[in-house]
């Protein structure tokens, strides 16, 4: 397996593990408030919502965006402006993640040229020229 493939698998594995934590961080940075679920009715509502997703709920006072954090037994609540701020932060984080991945790919690809030109003998074997 190529070093890049191993690196990509590691990055994707870490991204999957940190996704919930990253989402919490982005939501709180956008101004969402954490409200613990303390009553049986709140726990039932927490368990009924889609875990790991921000869900709009329309009530008498307007739309509230809710993130059900079942691990911490809490809701993260935000208004429309806070939800828009979260979406903007999420796009910025995705751009940063893409730049990091691009840099890792470029770094991995640049190492192949360190030994100079490669001579291909046509039979599946190739030898790099002596760098010294």
C-alpha atoms as a PDB file:
ATOM      1  CA  UNK A   1       0.000   0.000   0.000  1.00  0.00           C
ATOM      2  CA  UNK A   2       1.337   3.426  -0.923  1.00  0.00           C
ATOM      3  CA  UNK A   3       2.239   5.849   1.884  1.00  0.00           C
ATOM      4  CA  UNK A   4      -0.402   8.282   0.592  1.00  0.00           C
ATOM      5  CA  UNK A   5      -3.145   5.645   0.873  1.00  0.00           C
ATOM      6  CA  UNK A   6      -2.191   4.930   4.464  1.00  0.00           C
ATOM      7  CA  UNK A   7      -2.112   8.646   5.258  1.00  0.00           C
ATOM      8  CA  UNK A   8      -5.494   9.198   3.625  1.00  0.00           C
ATOM      9  CA  UNK A   9      -7.057   6.354   5.612  1.00  0.00           C
ATOM     10  CA  UNK A  10      -5.650   7.777   8.848  1.00  0.00           C
ATOM     11  CA  UNK A  11      -6.922  11.279   8.069  1.00  0.00           C
ATOM     12  CA  UNK A  12     -10.383   9.979   7.184  1.00  0.00           C
ATOM     13  CA  UNK A  13     -10.459   7.835  10.334  1.00  0.00           C
ATOM     14  CA  UNK A  14      -9.536  10.782  12.519  1.00  0.00           C
ATOM     15  CA  UNK A  15     -12.059  12.976  10.741  1.00  0.00           C
ATOM     16  CA  UNK A  16     -14.823  10.487  11.467  1.00  0.00           C
ATOM     17  CA  UNK A  17     -13.881  10.363  15.154  1.00  0.00           C
ATOM     18  CA  UNK A  18     -13.589  14.111  15.550  1.00  0.00           C
ATOM     19  CA  UNK A  19     -16.640  15.046  13.479  1.00  0.00           C
ATOM     20  CA  UNK A  20     -19.009  15.261  16.462  1.00  0.00           C
ATOM     21  CA  UNK A  21     -16.498  17.178  18.549  1.00  0.00           C
ATOM     22  CA  UNK A  22     -15.753  19.519  15.635  1.00  0.00           C
ATOM     23  CA  UNK A  23     -19.470  20.113  15.090  1.00  0.00           C
ATOM     24  CA  UNK A  24     -19.934  20.974  18.788  1.00  0.00           C
ATOM     25  CA  UNK A  25     -17.047  23.428  18.568  1.00  0.00           C
ATOM     26  CA  UNK A  26     -18.424  25.095  15.450  1.00  0.00           C
ATOM     27  CA  UNK A  27     -21.918  25.355  16.935  1.00  0.00           C
ATOM     28  CA  UNK A  28     -20.724  26.916  20.184  1.00  0.00           C
ATOM     29  CA  UNK A  29     -18.421  29.255  18.238  1.00  0.00           C
ATOM     30  CA  UNK A  30     -21.461  30.367  16.234  1.00  0.00           C
ATOM     31  CA  UNK A  31     -23.320  31.212  19.455  1.00  0.00           C
ATOM     32  CA  UNK A  32     -25.429  28.108  20.062  1.00  0.00           C
ATOM     33  CA  UNK A  33     -26.295  27.622  23.732  1.00  0.00           C
ATOM     34  CA  UNK A  34     -26.004  24.299  25.544  1.00  0.00           C
ATOM     35  CA  UNK A  35     -29.117  23.248  27.455  1.00  0.00           C
ATOM     36  CA  UNK A  36     -28.900  20.011  29.453  1.00  0.00           C
ATOM     37  CA  UNK A  37     -31.772  17.539  29.149  1.00  0.00           C
ATOM     38  CA  UNK A  38     -32.860  17.009  32.758  1.00  0.00           C
ATOM     39  CA  UNK A  39     -36.496  15.910  32.655  1.00  0.00           C
ATOM     40  CA  UNK A  40     -37.879  12.663  31.218  1.00  0.00           C
ATOM     41  CA  UNK A  41     -39.746  14.688  28.555  1.00  0.00           C
ATOM     42  CA  UNK A  42     -36.516  16.414  27.502  1.00  0.00           C
ATOM     43  CA  UNK A  43     -34.683  13.076  27.377  1.00  0.00           C
ATOM     44  CA  UNK A  44     -37.460  11.641  25.198  1.00  0.00           C
ATOM     45  CA  UNK A  45     -37.199  14.639  22.850  1.00  0.00           C
ATOM     46  CA  UNK A  46     -33.397  14.336  22.795  1.00  0.00           C
ATOM     47  CA  UNK A  47     -33.611  10.667  21.813  1.00  0.00           C
ATOM     48  CA  UNK A  48     -36.280  11.352  19.180  1.00  0.00           C
ATOM     49  CA  UNK A  49     -34.148  13.887  17.282  1.00  0.00           C
ATOM     50  CA  UNK A  50     -31.638  12.789  14.670  1.00  0.00           C
ATOM     51  CA  UNK A  51     -28.288  12.539  16.428  1.00  0.00           C
ATOM     52  CA  UNK A  52     -25.409  14.487  14.910  1.00  0.00           C
ATOM     53  CA  UNK A  53     -27.642  16.736  12.788  1.00  0.00           C
ATOM     54  CA  UNK A  54     -28.820  20.315  13.196  1.00  0.00           C
ATOM     55  CA  UNK A  55     -32.609  20.247  12.906  1.00  0.00           C
ATOM     56  CA  UNK A  56     -34.909  23.275  12.507  1.00  0.00           C
ATOM     57  CA  UNK A  57     -37.932  23.239  14.825  1.00  0.00           C
ATOM     58  CA  UNK A  58     -40.701  25.762  14.247  1.00  0.00           C
ATOM     59  CA  UNK A  59     -42.494  27.010  17.341  1.00  0.00           C
ATOM     60  CA  UNK A  60     -44.629  29.919  18.484  1.00  0.00           C
ATOM     61  CA  UNK A  61     -41.624  32.254  18.707  1.00  0.00           C
ATOM     62  CA  UNK A  62     -40.138  31.254  15.334  1.00  0.00           C
ATOM     63  CA  UNK A  63     -37.550  28.768  14.158  1.00  0.00           C
ATOM     64  CA  UNK A  64     -35.044  27.294  16.574  1.00  0.00           C
ATOM     65  CA  UNK A  65     -32.150  25.181  15.347  1.00  0.00           C
ATOM     66  CA  UNK A  66     -31.477  22.178  17.576  1.00  0.00           C
ATOM     67  CA  UNK A  67     -28.504  19.844  17.728  1.00  0.00           C
ATOM     68  CA  UNK A  68     -29.189  16.758  19.844  1.00  0.00           C
ATOM     69  CA  UNK A  69     -26.005  15.811  21.706  1.00  0.00           C
ATOM     70  CA  UNK A  70     -26.921  12.382  23.047  1.00  0.00           C
ATOM     71  CA  UNK A  71     -23.385  11.738  24.346  1.00  0.00           C
ATOM     72  CA  UNK A  72     -23.592  14.706  26.708  1.00  0.00           C
ATOM     73  CA  UNK A  73     -27.371  14.493  27.202  1.00  0.00           C
ATOM     74  CA  UNK A  74     -27.861  18.075  26.073  1.00  0.00           C
ATOM     75  CA  UNK A  75     -29.304  20.234  23.319  1.00  0.00           C
ATOM     76  CA  UNK A  76     -27.409  22.947  21.486  1.00  0.00           C
ATOM     77  CA  UNK A  77     -29.920  25.654  20.567  1.00  0.00           C
ATOM     78  CA  UNK A  78     -29.525  28.544  18.157  1.00  0.00           C
ATOM     79  CA  UNK A  79     -31.534  31.070  16.196  1.00  0.00           C
ATOM     80  CA  UNK A  80     -31.436  31.723  12.442  1.00  0.00           C
ATOM     81  CA  UNK A  81     -28.487  34.151  12.660  1.00  0.00           C
ATOM     82  CA  UNK A  82     -26.483  31.678  14.741  1.00  0.00           C
ATOM     83  CA  UNK A  83     -27.322  28.875  12.295  1.00  0.00           C
ATOM     84  CA  UNK A  84     -26.095  31.018   9.385  1.00  0.00           C
ATOM     85  CA  UNK A  85     -22.883  31.750  11.316  1.00  0.00           C
ATOM     86  CA  UNK A  86     -22.459  27.999  11.903  1.00  0.00           C
ATOM     87  CA  UNK A  87     -22.881  27.266   8.173  1.00  0.00           C
ATOM     88  CA  UNK A  88     -20.261  29.912   7.343  1.00  0.00           C
ATOM     89  CA  UNK A  89     -17.824  28.475   9.902  1.00  0.00           C
ATOM     90  CA  UNK A  90     -18.453  24.981   8.559  1.00  0.00           C
ATOM     91  CA  UNK A  91     -17.571  26.051   4.994  1.00  0.00           C
ATOM     92  CA  UNK A  92     -14.409  27.765   6.265  1.00  0.00           C
ATOM     93  CA  UNK A  93     -13.420  24.610   8.169  1.00  0.00           C
ATOM     94  CA  UNK A  94     -14.000  22.466   5.070  1.00  0.00           C
ATOM     95  CA  UNK A  95     -11.764  24.794   3.045  1.00  0.00           C
ATOM     96  CA  UNK A  96      -9.037  24.549   5.681  1.00  0.00           C
ATOM     97  CA  UNK A  97      -9.335  20.751   5.756  1.00  0.00           C
ATOM     98  CA  UNK A  98      -9.086  20.648   1.950  1.00  0.00           C
ATOM     99  CA  UNK A  99      -5.970  22.855   1.971  1.00  0.00           C
ATOM    100  CA  UNK A 100      -4.348  20.563   4.538  1.00  0.00           C
ATOM    101  CA  UNK A 101      -5.179  17.488   2.470  1.00  0.00           C
ATOM    102  CA  UNK A 102      -3.869  19.166  -0.695  1.00  0.00           C
ATOM    103  CA  UNK A 103      -0.631  20.068   1.080  1.00  0.00           C
ATOM    104  CA  UNK A 104      -0.224  16.473   2.277  1.00  0.00           C
ATOM    105  CA  UNK A 105      -0.804  15.143  -1.253  1.00  0.00           C
ATOM    106  CA  UNK A 106       1.667  17.637  -2.727  1.00  0.00           C
ATOM    107  CA  UNK A 107       4.234  16.765  -0.090  1.00  0.00           C
ATOM    108  CA  UNK A 108       3.827  13.044  -0.790  1.00  0.00           C
ATOM    109  CA  UNK A 109       4.072  13.550  -4.565  1.00  0.00           C
ATOM    110  CA  UNK A 110       7.120  15.786  -4.314  1.00  0.00           C
ATOM    111  CA  UNK A 111       9.147  13.010  -2.679  1.00  0.00           C
ATOM    112  CA  UNK A 112       8.990  10.871  -5.831  1.00  0.00           C
ATOM    113  CA  UNK A 113      11.131  13.356  -7.738  1.00  0.00           C
ATOM    114  CA  UNK A 114      13.879  13.564  -5.137  1.00  0.00           C
ATOM    115  CA  UNK A 115      15.977  10.890  -6.858  1.00  0.00           C
ATOM    116  CA  UNK A 116      15.916  12.389 -10.342  1.00  0.00           C
ATOM    117  CA  UNK A 117      14.610  10.832 -13.551  1.00  0.00           C
ATOM    118  CA  UNK A 118      13.475   7.229 -13.587  1.00  0.00           C
ATOM    119  CA  UNK A 119      14.642   4.875 -16.313  1.00  0.00           C
ATOM    120  CA  UNK A 120      12.017   2.378 -17.451  1.00  0.00           C
ATOM    121  CA  UNK A 121      13.410  -0.734 -19.111  1.00  0.00           C
ATOM    122  CA  UNK A 122       9.999  -1.736 -20.480  1.00  0.00           C
ATOM    123  CA  UNK A 123       9.755  -4.987 -18.528  1.00  0.00           C
ATOM    124  CA  UNK A 124       8.065  -3.576 -15.421  1.00  0.00           C
ATOM    125  CA  UNK A 125      11.367  -2.752 -13.717  1.00  0.00           C
ATOM    126  CA  UNK A 126      12.570   0.794 -13.413  1.00  0.00           C
ATOM    127  CA  UNK A 127      15.646   2.269 -11.804  1.00  0.00           C
ATOM    128  CA  UNK A 128      16.134   5.814 -10.599  1.00  0.00           C
ATOM    129  CA  UNK A 129      19.322   7.548 -11.583  1.00  0.00           C
ATOM    130  CA  UNK A 130      22.010   7.973  -8.951  1.00  0.00           C
ATOM    131  CA  UNK A 131      21.276  11.254  -7.092  1.00  0.00           C
ATOM    132  CA  UNK A 132      24.893  11.716  -6.123  1.00  0.00           C
END
